[in-house]
Amino acid sequence: MPWRLCLNITSGNHFVEFGIIEVTTQDDVLKVPPGQYVGVLSHSGSRGLGANIAKNYTYLATKQTPLPKEAQHLAWLDLNTHDGQEYWLAMNLAGDYASACHHDIHKRIAKELGARPLAMVENHHNFAWKEVIDGQELIVHRKGATPAQKNVLGIIPGSMTAPGYIVKGKGNEQSLNSASHGAGRVLSRAEAKRSLTRSDLKKVLKNHGVTLIGASMDEAPMAYKDINRVMAYQTDLIDVVGMFTPKIVRMDKG
């Protein structure tokens, strides 16, 4: 089976996965014929740059917008101020940097394999956008959500053993043109580390035919919700055009 489809997500719990993609329908946006392909799915952020930007401007916000101690994390910067504009520019710079890193990752992998990707889907999340809502320009922040404007392609991953989905947004304004970012956790990181064992993980990996490189127990697939149920709850937000089944998974640590 030839190398064909190269997929890309920006930001998050960092991993790179090789797997099988099943394109289920002929789509005018994806422009890939139905069939099976080999794909690469990468998921990472701006290598600490975005976190440091957020830390610095959050500190400035707490100084400029004094709030009770229990609500300090809700402090804000007015976009009409110097610091607000500076933060907006810095945040978008971090997003561009994250995107460039992903393009470089996929370019290097394709070069090593001596192959040319047939298509790429890039998907920001945990980010903020200026969008017009009910005729008014507002800031839409999608934490744990992914853009799903009409005919916009996106990716909704499951876990290291569960499928991810290539989706196309329906532009549902009631959800602010958004859909789920992924399966979501059923166990916190601390609970997963406390209650799950390496033998549990090895058994699940073997049953799904997945080879894992690295990873700590907080990313075990048992810590995540059933992606198929999650997808069933958002049929009014997106159409599924393909499915990614992971086979080789490299997590960010282990």
C-alpha atoms as a PDB file:
ATOM      1  CA  MET A   1       0.000   0.000   0.000  1.00  0.00           C
ATOM      2  CA  PRO A   2       1.633   3.282  -1.068  1.00  0.00           C
ATOM      3  CA  TRP A   3       2.211   6.334   1.102  1.00  0.00           C
ATOM      4  CA  ARG A   4      -0.590   8.693   0.189  1.00  0.00           C
ATOM      5  CA  LEU A   5      -2.237  10.841   2.812  1.00  0.00           C
ATOM      6  CA  CYS A   6      -0.445  13.145   5.235  1.00  0.00           C
ATOM      7  CA  LEU A   7      -2.515  14.569   8.092  1.00  0.00           C
ATOM      8  CA  ASN A   8      -1.620  17.345  10.478  1.00  0.00           C
ATOM      9  CA  ILE A   9      -3.040  18.700  13.735  1.00  0.00           C
ATOM     10  CA  THR A  10      -1.601  21.651  15.605  1.00  0.00           C
ATOM     11  CA  SER A  11      -1.331  21.737  19.415  1.00  0.00           C
ATOM     12  CA  GLY A  12      -2.045  19.331  22.253  1.00  0.00           C
ATOM     13  CA  ASN A  13      -0.908  16.022  23.862  1.00  0.00           C
ATOM     14  CA  HIS A  14       2.063  15.439  21.656  1.00  0.00           C
ATOM     15  CA  PHE A  15       2.362  12.414  19.396  1.00  0.00           C
ATOM     16  CA  VAL A  16       3.050  11.199  15.869  1.00  0.00           C
ATOM     17  CA  GLU A  17       1.122   8.213  14.544  1.00  0.00           C
ATOM     18  CA  PHE A  18       1.390   6.089  11.410  1.00  0.00           C
ATOM     19  CA  GLY A  19      -1.830   4.397  10.427  1.00  0.00           C
ATOM     20  CA  ILE A  20      -4.368   3.388   7.818  1.00  0.00           C
ATOM     21  CA  ILE A  21      -6.815   5.925   6.418  1.00  0.00           C
ATOM     22  CA  GLU A  22     -10.123   4.859   4.948  1.00  0.00           C
ATOM     23  CA  VAL A  23     -11.626   7.602   2.812  1.00  0.00           C
ATOM     24  CA  THR A  24     -15.293   6.747   2.896  1.00  0.00           C
ATOM     25  CA  THR A  25     -16.812   9.178   0.441  1.00  0.00           C
ATOM     26  CA  GLN A  26     -15.917  11.215  -2.610  1.00  0.00           C
ATOM     27  CA  ASP A  27     -15.584  14.759  -1.281  1.00  0.00           C
ATOM     28  CA  ASP A  28     -15.075  17.978  -3.238  1.00  0.00           C
ATOM     29  CA  VAL A  29     -13.062  19.533  -0.392  1.00  0.00           C
ATOM     30  CA  LEU A  30     -10.744  16.635   0.549  1.00  0.00           C
ATOM     31  CA  LYS A  31     -10.339  15.683  -3.134  1.00  0.00           C
ATOM     32  CA  VAL A  32      -9.079  12.164  -2.398  1.00  0.00           C
ATOM     33  CA  PRO A  33     -10.820   9.184  -4.043  1.00  0.00           C
ATOM     34  CA  PRO A  34     -12.489   6.655  -1.707  1.00  0.00           C
ATOM     35  CA  GLY A  35     -10.131   3.876  -0.633  1.00  0.00           C
ATOM     36  CA  GLN A  36      -7.343   2.968   1.795  1.00  0.00           C
ATOM     37  CA  TYR A  37      -4.189   5.032   2.282  1.00  0.00           C
ATOM     38  CA  VAL A  38      -1.221   5.232   4.625  1.00  0.00           C
ATOM     39  CA  GLY A  39      -1.255   8.381   6.739  1.00  0.00           C
ATOM     40  CA  VAL A  40       0.733  10.257   9.370  1.00  0.00           C
ATOM     41  CA  LEU A  41      -1.047  12.129  12.149  1.00  0.00           C
ATOM     42  CA  SER A  42       0.967  14.598  14.237  1.00  0.00           C
ATOM     43  CA  HIS A  43      -0.290  16.468  17.282  1.00  0.00           C
ATOM     44  CA  SER A  44       1.778  19.106  19.060  1.00  0.00           C
ATOM     45  CA  GLY A  45       1.937  22.788  19.911  1.00  0.00           C
ATOM     46  CA  SER A  46       4.472  25.592  19.746  1.00  0.00           C
ATOM     47  CA  ARG A  47       7.182  23.864  21.797  1.00  0.00           C
ATOM     48  CA  GLY A  48       6.636  25.964  24.901  1.00  0.00           C
ATOM     49  CA  LEU A  49       6.535  29.310  23.095  1.00  0.00           C
ATOM     50  CA  GLY A  50       2.757  29.623  23.374  1.00  0.00           C
ATOM     51  CA  ALA A  51       2.753  28.593  27.035  1.00  0.00           C
ATOM     52  CA  ASN A  52       5.366  31.212  27.905  1.00  0.00           C
ATOM     53  CA  ILE A  53       3.443  33.887  25.985  1.00  0.00           C
ATOM     54  CA  ALA A  54       0.258  32.969  27.859  1.00  0.00           C
ATOM     55  CA  LYS A  55       2.094  32.983  31.203  1.00  0.00           C
ATOM     56  CA  ASN A  56       3.559  36.442  30.626  1.00  0.00           C
ATOM     57  CA  TYR A  57       0.340  38.099  29.463  1.00  0.00           C
ATOM     58  CA  THR A  58      -1.757  36.337  32.088  1.00  0.00           C
ATOM     59  CA  TYR A  59       0.520  37.934  34.675  1.00  0.00           C
ATOM     60  CA  LEU A  60      -0.016  41.352  33.070  1.00  0.00           C
ATOM     61  CA  ALA A  61      -3.766  40.762  32.990  1.00  0.00           C
ATOM     62  CA  THR A  62      -3.902  39.951  36.711  1.00  0.00           C
ATOM     63  CA  LYS A  63      -2.136  43.236  37.427  1.00  0.00           C
ATOM     64  CA  GLN A  64      -4.369  45.313  35.165  1.00  0.00           C
ATOM     65  CA  THR A  65      -7.660  43.615  36.049  1.00  0.00           C
ATOM     66  CA  PRO A  66      -7.591  42.960  39.818  1.00  0.00           C
ATOM     67  CA  LEU A  67     -10.024  40.212  40.817  1.00  0.00           C
ATOM     68  CA  PRO A  68     -10.629  38.191  43.996  1.00  0.00           C
ATOM     69  CA  LYS A  69      -7.992  35.511  44.541  1.00  0.00           C
ATOM     70  CA  GLU A  70     -10.328  32.668  43.579  1.00  0.00           C
ATOM     71  CA  ALA A  71     -11.082  34.377  40.232  1.00  0.00           C
ATOM     72  CA  GLN A  72      -7.635  35.688  39.288  1.00  0.00           C
ATOM     73  CA  HIS A  73      -7.350  33.181  36.453  1.00  0.00           C
ATOM     74  CA  LEU A  74     -10.298  34.972  34.774  1.00  0.00           C
ATOM     75  CA  ALA A  75      -8.385  38.242  34.379  1.00  0.00           C
ATOM     76  CA  TRP A  76      -8.362  39.699  30.853  1.00  0.00           C
ATOM     77  CA  LEU A  77      -6.566  42.153  28.607  1.00  0.00           C
ATOM     78  CA  ASP A  78      -8.616  44.656  26.617  1.00  0.00           C
ATOM     79  CA  LEU A  79      -7.784  44.273  22.910  1.00  0.00           C
ATOM     80  CA  ASN A  80      -7.985  48.058  22.572  1.00  0.00           C
ATOM     81  CA  THR A  81      -4.914  48.439  24.823  1.00  0.00           C
ATOM     82  CA  HIS A  82      -1.237  48.168  23.917  1.00  0.00           C
ATOM     83  CA  ASP A  83      -0.765  44.973  25.938  1.00  0.00           C
ATOM     84  CA  GLY A  84      -3.936  43.461  24.504  1.00  0.00           C
ATOM     85  CA  GLN A  85      -2.796  44.058  20.932  1.00  0.00           C
ATOM     86  CA  GLU A  86       0.699  42.836  21.769  1.00  0.00           C
ATOM     87  CA  TYR A  87      -0.698  39.618  23.225  1.00  0.00           C
ATOM     88  CA  TRP A  88      -2.938  39.036  20.189  1.00  0.00           C
ATOM     89  CA  LEU A  89       0.037  39.372  17.851  1.00  0.00           C
ATOM     90  CA  ALA A  90       2.218  37.121  20.023  1.00  0.00           C
ATOM     91  CA  MET A  91      -0.492  34.457  20.273  1.00  0.00           C
ATOM     92  CA  ASN A  92      -0.912  34.365  16.496  1.00  0.00           C
ATOM     93  CA  LEU A  93       2.869  34.212  16.059  1.00  0.00           C
ATOM     94  CA  ALA A  94       2.936  31.115  18.299  1.00  0.00           C
ATOM     95  CA  GLY A  95       0.158  29.570  16.193  1.00  0.00           C
ATOM     96  CA  ASP A  96       2.061  30.239  12.974  1.00  0.00           C
ATOM     97  CA  TYR A  97       5.193  28.748  14.530  1.00  0.00           C
ATOM     98  CA  ALA A  98       3.308  25.597  15.573  1.00  0.00           C
ATOM     99  CA  SER A  99       1.919  25.259  12.052  1.00  0.00           C
ATOM    100  CA  ALA A 100       5.377  25.680  10.508  1.00  0.00           C
ATOM    101  CA  CYS A 101       6.745  22.973  12.825  1.00  0.00           C
ATOM    102  CA  HIS A 102       4.099  20.540  11.640  1.00  0.00           C
ATOM    103  CA  HIS A 103       4.792  21.281   7.998  1.00  0.00           C
ATOM    104  CA  ASP A 104       8.481  20.636   8.655  1.00  0.00           C
ATOM    105  CA  ILE A 105       7.746  17.343  10.460  1.00  0.00           C
ATOM    106  CA  HIS A 106       5.656  16.053   7.559  1.00  0.00           C
ATOM    107  CA  LYS A 107       8.108  17.329   4.951  1.00  0.00           C
ATOM    108  CA  ARG A 108      10.973  15.478   6.642  1.00  0.00           C
ATOM    109  CA  ILE A 109       8.995  12.247   6.988  1.00  0.00           C
ATOM    110  CA  ALA A 110       7.912  12.361   3.333  1.00  0.00           C
ATOM    111  CA  LYS A 111      11.526  12.993   2.274  1.00  0.00           C
ATOM    112  CA  GLU A 112      12.816  10.025   4.282  1.00  0.00           C
ATOM    113  CA  LEU A 113      10.160   7.787   2.744  1.00  0.00           C
ATOM    114  CA  GLY A 114      10.806   9.136  -0.734  1.00  0.00           C
ATOM    115  CA  ALA A 115       7.102   9.877  -1.145  1.00  0.00           C
ATOM    116  CA  ARG A 116       4.818  12.810  -1.893  1.00  0.00           C
ATOM    117  CA  PRO A 117       1.735  13.379   0.271  1.00  0.00           C
ATOM    118  CA  LEU A 118      -1.529  13.299  -1.625  1.00  0.00           C
ATOM    119  CA  ALA A 119      -3.339  15.615   0.779  1.00  0.00           C
ATOM    120  CA  MET A 120      -2.914  17.423   4.089  1.00  0.00           C
ATOM    121  CA  VAL A 121      -5.496  18.516   6.645  1.00  0.00           C
ATOM    122  CA  GLU A 122      -4.363  21.087   9.208  1.00  0.00           C
ATOM    123  CA  ASN A 123      -6.439  21.712  12.297  1.00  0.00           C
ATOM    124  CA  HIS A 124      -5.904  24.349  15.005  1.00  0.00           C
ATOM    125  CA  HIS A 125      -7.532  23.971  18.423  1.00  0.00           C
ATOM    126  CA  ASN A 126      -7.025  25.539  21.869  1.00  0.00           C
ATOM    127  CA  PHE A 127      -6.757  28.812  19.978  1.00  0.00           C
ATOM    128  CA  ALA A 128      -8.724  32.036  19.511  1.00  0.00           C
ATOM    129  CA  TRP A 129     -10.128  33.567  16.340  1.00  0.00           C
ATOM    130  CA  LYS A 130     -11.821  36.832  15.392  1.00  0.00           C
ATOM    131  CA  GLU A 131     -15.173  35.843  13.896  1.00  0.00           C
ATOM    132  CA  VAL A 132     -18.443  37.571  13.067  1.00  0.00           C
ATOM    133  CA  ILE A 133     -21.298  36.264  15.242  1.00  0.00           C
ATOM    134  CA  ASP A 134     -24.790  37.723  14.695  1.00  0.00           C
ATOM    135  CA  GLY A 135     -23.238  40.604  12.763  1.00  0.00           C
ATOM    136  CA  GLN A 136     -20.736  41.473  15.497  1.00  0.00           C
ATOM    137  CA  GLU A 137     -16.984  40.764  15.478  1.00  0.00           C
ATOM    138  CA  LEU A 138     -16.164  38.670  18.549  1.00  0.00           C
ATOM    139  CA  ILE A 139     -13.332  36.500  19.823  1.00  0.00           C
ATOM    140  CA  VAL A 140     -14.147  32.780  19.687  1.00  0.00           C
ATOM    141  CA  HIS A 141     -11.850  30.679  21.871  1.00  0.00           C
ATOM    142  CA  ARG A 142     -12.004  26.939  21.178  1.00  0.00           C
ATOM    143  CA  LYS A 143     -10.531  25.171  24.190  1.00  0.00           C
ATOM    144  CA  GLY A 144     -11.070  21.464  23.633  1.00  0.00           C
ATOM    145  CA  ALA A 145     -12.982  22.240  20.448  1.00  0.00           C
ATOM    146  CA  THR A 146     -12.130  22.331  16.766  1.00  0.00           C
ATOM    147  CA  PRO A 147     -13.311  24.708  14.009  1.00  0.00           C
ATOM    148  CA  ALA A 148     -16.262  23.329  12.049  1.00  0.00           C
ATOM    149  CA  GLN A 149     -17.287  26.099   9.666  1.00  0.00           C
ATOM    150  CA  LYS A 150     -19.189  24.966   6.588  1.00  0.00           C
ATOM    151  CA  ASN A 151     -16.975  22.860   4.285  1.00  0.00           C
ATOM    152  CA  VAL A 152     -13.914  23.304   6.533  1.00  0.00           C
ATOM    153  CA  LEU A 153     -11.932  20.084   7.008  1.00  0.00           C
ATOM    154  CA  GLY A 154     -10.847  18.987  10.460  1.00  0.00           C
ATOM    155  CA  ILE A 155      -9.599  16.005  12.444  1.00  0.00           C
ATOM    156  CA  ILE A 156     -11.153  14.505  15.575  1.00  0.00           C
ATOM    157  CA  PRO A 157      -8.769  11.941  17.110  1.00  0.00           C
ATOM    158  CA  GLY A 158      -9.711   9.136  19.498  1.00  0.00           C
ATOM    159  CA  SER A 159      -6.819   7.545  21.399  1.00  0.00           C
ATOM    160  CA  MET A 160      -3.689   5.556  20.555  1.00  0.00           C
ATOM    161  CA  THR A 161      -5.857   2.512  19.761  1.00  0.00           C
ATOM    162  CA  ALA A 162      -9.148   4.143  18.760  1.00  0.00           C
ATOM    163  CA  PRO A 163      -9.836   5.621  15.321  1.00  0.00           C
ATOM    164  CA  GLY A 164      -9.666   9.306  14.503  1.00  0.00           C
ATOM    165  CA  TYR A 165     -12.007  10.951  12.017  1.00  0.00           C
ATOM    166  CA  ILE A 166     -11.478  13.285   9.079  1.00  0.00           C
ATOM    167  CA  VAL A 167     -14.502  15.559   9.172  1.00  0.00           C
ATOM    168  CA  LYS A 168     -16.062  18.437   7.257  1.00  0.00           C
ATOM    169  CA  GLY A 169     -17.874  21.165   9.137  1.00  0.00           C
ATOM    170  CA  LYS A 170     -21.567  21.903   8.602  1.00  0.00           C
ATOM    171  CA  GLY A 171     -21.324  25.484   9.864  1.00  0.00           C
ATOM    172  CA  ASN A 172     -23.730  25.084  12.771  1.00  0.00           C
ATOM    173  CA  GLU A 173     -23.980  28.587  14.257  1.00  0.00           C
ATOM    174  CA  GLN A 174     -25.554  27.303  17.482  1.00  0.00           C
ATOM    175  CA  SER A 175     -22.230  25.618  18.307  1.00  0.00           C
ATOM    176  CA  LEU A 176     -20.282  28.721  17.179  1.00  0.00           C
ATOM    177  CA  ASN A 177     -19.156  26.685  14.151  1.00  0.00           C
ATOM    178  CA  SER A 178     -17.313  24.270  16.431  1.00  0.00           C
ATOM    179  CA  ALA A 179     -17.107  20.527  17.079  1.00  0.00           C
ATOM    180  CA  SER A 180     -15.328  18.243  19.512  1.00  0.00           C
ATOM    181  CA  HIS A 181     -11.529  18.319  19.465  1.00  0.00           C
ATOM    182  CA  GLY A 182     -11.253  14.642  20.387  1.00  0.00           C
ATOM    183  CA  ALA A 183     -12.700  11.835  22.467  1.00  0.00           C
ATOM    184  CA  GLY A 184     -12.084  13.604  25.766  1.00  0.00           C
ATOM    185  CA  ARG A 185     -10.926  12.008  28.990  1.00  0.00           C
ATOM    186  CA  VAL A 186     -12.918   9.674  31.239  1.00  0.00           C
ATOM    187  CA  LEU A 187     -10.030   9.474  33.743  1.00  0.00           C
ATOM    188  CA  SER A 188      -7.875  12.394  34.872  1.00  0.00           C
ATOM    189  CA  ARG A 189      -4.143  12.089  34.320  1.00  0.00           C
ATOM    190  CA  ALA A 190      -3.554  11.429  38.004  1.00  0.00           C
ATOM    191  CA  GLU A 191      -6.348   8.820  38.162  1.00  0.00           C
ATOM    192  CA  ALA A 192      -5.040   7.050  35.046  1.00  0.00           C
ATOM    193  CA  LYS A 193      -1.551   6.793  36.510  1.00  0.00           C
ATOM    194  CA  ARG A 194      -2.961   5.541  39.822  1.00  0.00           C
ATOM    195  CA  SER A 195      -5.461   2.978  38.558  1.00  0.00           C
ATOM    196  CA  LEU A 196      -4.069   1.625  35.265  1.00  0.00           C
ATOM    197  CA  THR A 197      -1.166  -0.796  34.852  1.00  0.00           C
ATOM    198  CA  ARG A 198       1.402  -1.459  32.154  1.00  0.00           C
ATOM    199  CA  SER A 199       0.014  -4.962  31.719  1.00  0.00           C
ATOM    200  CA  ASP A 200      -3.446  -3.470  31.067  1.00  0.00           C
ATOM    201  CA  LEU A 201      -1.940  -1.196  28.436  1.00  0.00           C
ATOM    202  CA  LYS A 202       0.059  -3.954  26.732  1.00  0.00           C
ATOM    203  CA  LYS A 203      -3.061  -6.119  26.473  1.00  0.00           C
ATOM    204  CA  VAL A 204      -5.119  -3.352  24.847  1.00  0.00           C
ATOM    205  CA  LEU A 205      -2.300  -2.498  22.408  1.00  0.00           C
ATOM    206  CA  LYS A 206      -1.944  -6.155  21.398  1.00  0.00           C
ATOM    207  CA  ASN A 207      -5.693  -6.551  20.872  1.00  0.00           C
ATOM    208  CA  HIS A 208      -5.678  -3.554  18.508  1.00  0.00           C
ATOM    209  CA  GLY A 209      -2.442  -4.406  16.706  1.00  0.00           C
ATOM    210  CA  VAL A 210      -0.746  -1.152  17.754  1.00  0.00           C
ATOM    211  CA  THR A 211       2.990  -0.701  18.321  1.00  0.00           C
ATOM    212  CA  LEU A 212       3.695   1.955  20.970  1.00  0.00           C
ATOM    213  CA  ILE A 213       6.959   3.864  21.385  1.00  0.00           C
ATOM    214  CA  GLY A 214       7.147   5.829  24.643  1.00  0.00           C
ATOM    215  CA  ALA A 215       4.120   7.192  26.544  1.00  0.00           C
ATOM    216  CA  SER A 216       3.255   7.258  30.231  1.00  0.00           C
ATOM    217  CA  MET A 217       0.107   5.728  31.689  1.00  0.00           C
ATOM    218  CA  ASP A 218      -1.803   9.025  31.698  1.00  0.00           C
ATOM    219  CA  GLU A 219      -2.210   8.658  27.917  1.00  0.00           C
ATOM    220  CA  ALA A 220      -3.412   5.027  28.026  1.00  0.00           C
ATOM    221  CA  PRO A 221      -6.432   4.515  25.742  1.00  0.00           C
ATOM    222  CA  MET A 222      -8.543   3.362  28.701  1.00  0.00           C
ATOM    223  CA  ALA A 223      -8.339   6.936  30.053  1.00  0.00           C
ATOM    224  CA  TYR A 224     -10.400   8.224  27.104  1.00  0.00           C
ATOM    225  CA  LYS A 225     -14.084   8.149  26.217  1.00  0.00           C
ATOM    226  CA  ASP A 226     -15.538   6.002  23.433  1.00  0.00           C
ATOM    227  CA  ILE A 227     -14.828   8.072  20.312  1.00  0.00           C
ATOM    228  CA  ASN A 228     -17.711   6.462  18.422  1.00  0.00           C
ATOM    229  CA  ARG A 229     -20.228   7.670  21.028  1.00  0.00           C
ATOM    230  CA  VAL A 230     -18.645  11.124  20.954  1.00  0.00           C
ATOM    231  CA  MET A 231     -18.997  11.229  17.170  1.00  0.00           C
ATOM    232  CA  ALA A 232     -22.623  10.083  17.361  1.00  0.00           C
ATOM    233  CA  TYR A 233     -23.451  13.125  19.511  1.00  0.00           C
ATOM    234  CA  GLN A 234     -22.275  15.651  16.905  1.00  0.00           C
ATOM    235  CA  THR A 235     -23.782  14.577  13.605  1.00  0.00           C
ATOM    236  CA  ASP A 236     -25.434  18.003  13.419  1.00  0.00           C
ATOM    237  CA  LEU A 237     -22.004  19.661  13.532  1.00  0.00           C
ATOM    238  CA  ILE A 238     -19.862  17.667  11.077  1.00  0.00           C
ATOM    239  CA  ASP A 239     -19.893  15.107   8.277  1.00  0.00           C
ATOM    240  CA  VAL A 240     -17.374  12.241   8.372  1.00  0.00           C
ATOM    241  CA  VAL A 241     -15.359  11.871   5.169  1.00  0.00           C
ATOM    242  CA  GLY A 242     -12.638   9.481   6.380  1.00  0.00           C
ATOM    243  CA  MET A 243     -11.281   7.454   9.294  1.00  0.00           C
ATOM    244  CA  PHE A 244      -7.714   7.098  10.588  1.00  0.00           C
ATOM    245  CA  THR A 245      -6.751   3.855  12.390  1.00  0.00           C
ATOM    246  CA  PRO A 246      -3.418   4.120  14.279  1.00  0.00           C
ATOM    247  CA  LYS A 247      -0.846   1.333  13.924  1.00  0.00           C
ATOM    248  CA  ILE A 248       2.480   2.818  15.112  1.00  0.00           C
ATOM    249  CA  VAL A 249       2.300   5.436  17.857  1.00  0.00           C
ATOM    250  CA  ARG A 250       5.156   7.609  19.145  1.00  0.00           C
ATOM    251  CA  MET A 251       4.163   9.602  22.210  1.00  0.00           C
ATOM    252  CA  ASP A 252       6.077  12.599  23.577  1.00  0.00           C
ATOM    253  CA  LYS A 253       7.484  10.798  26.608  1.00  0.00           C
ATOM    254  CA  GLY A 254       7.680   7.443  28.300  1.00  0.00           C
END
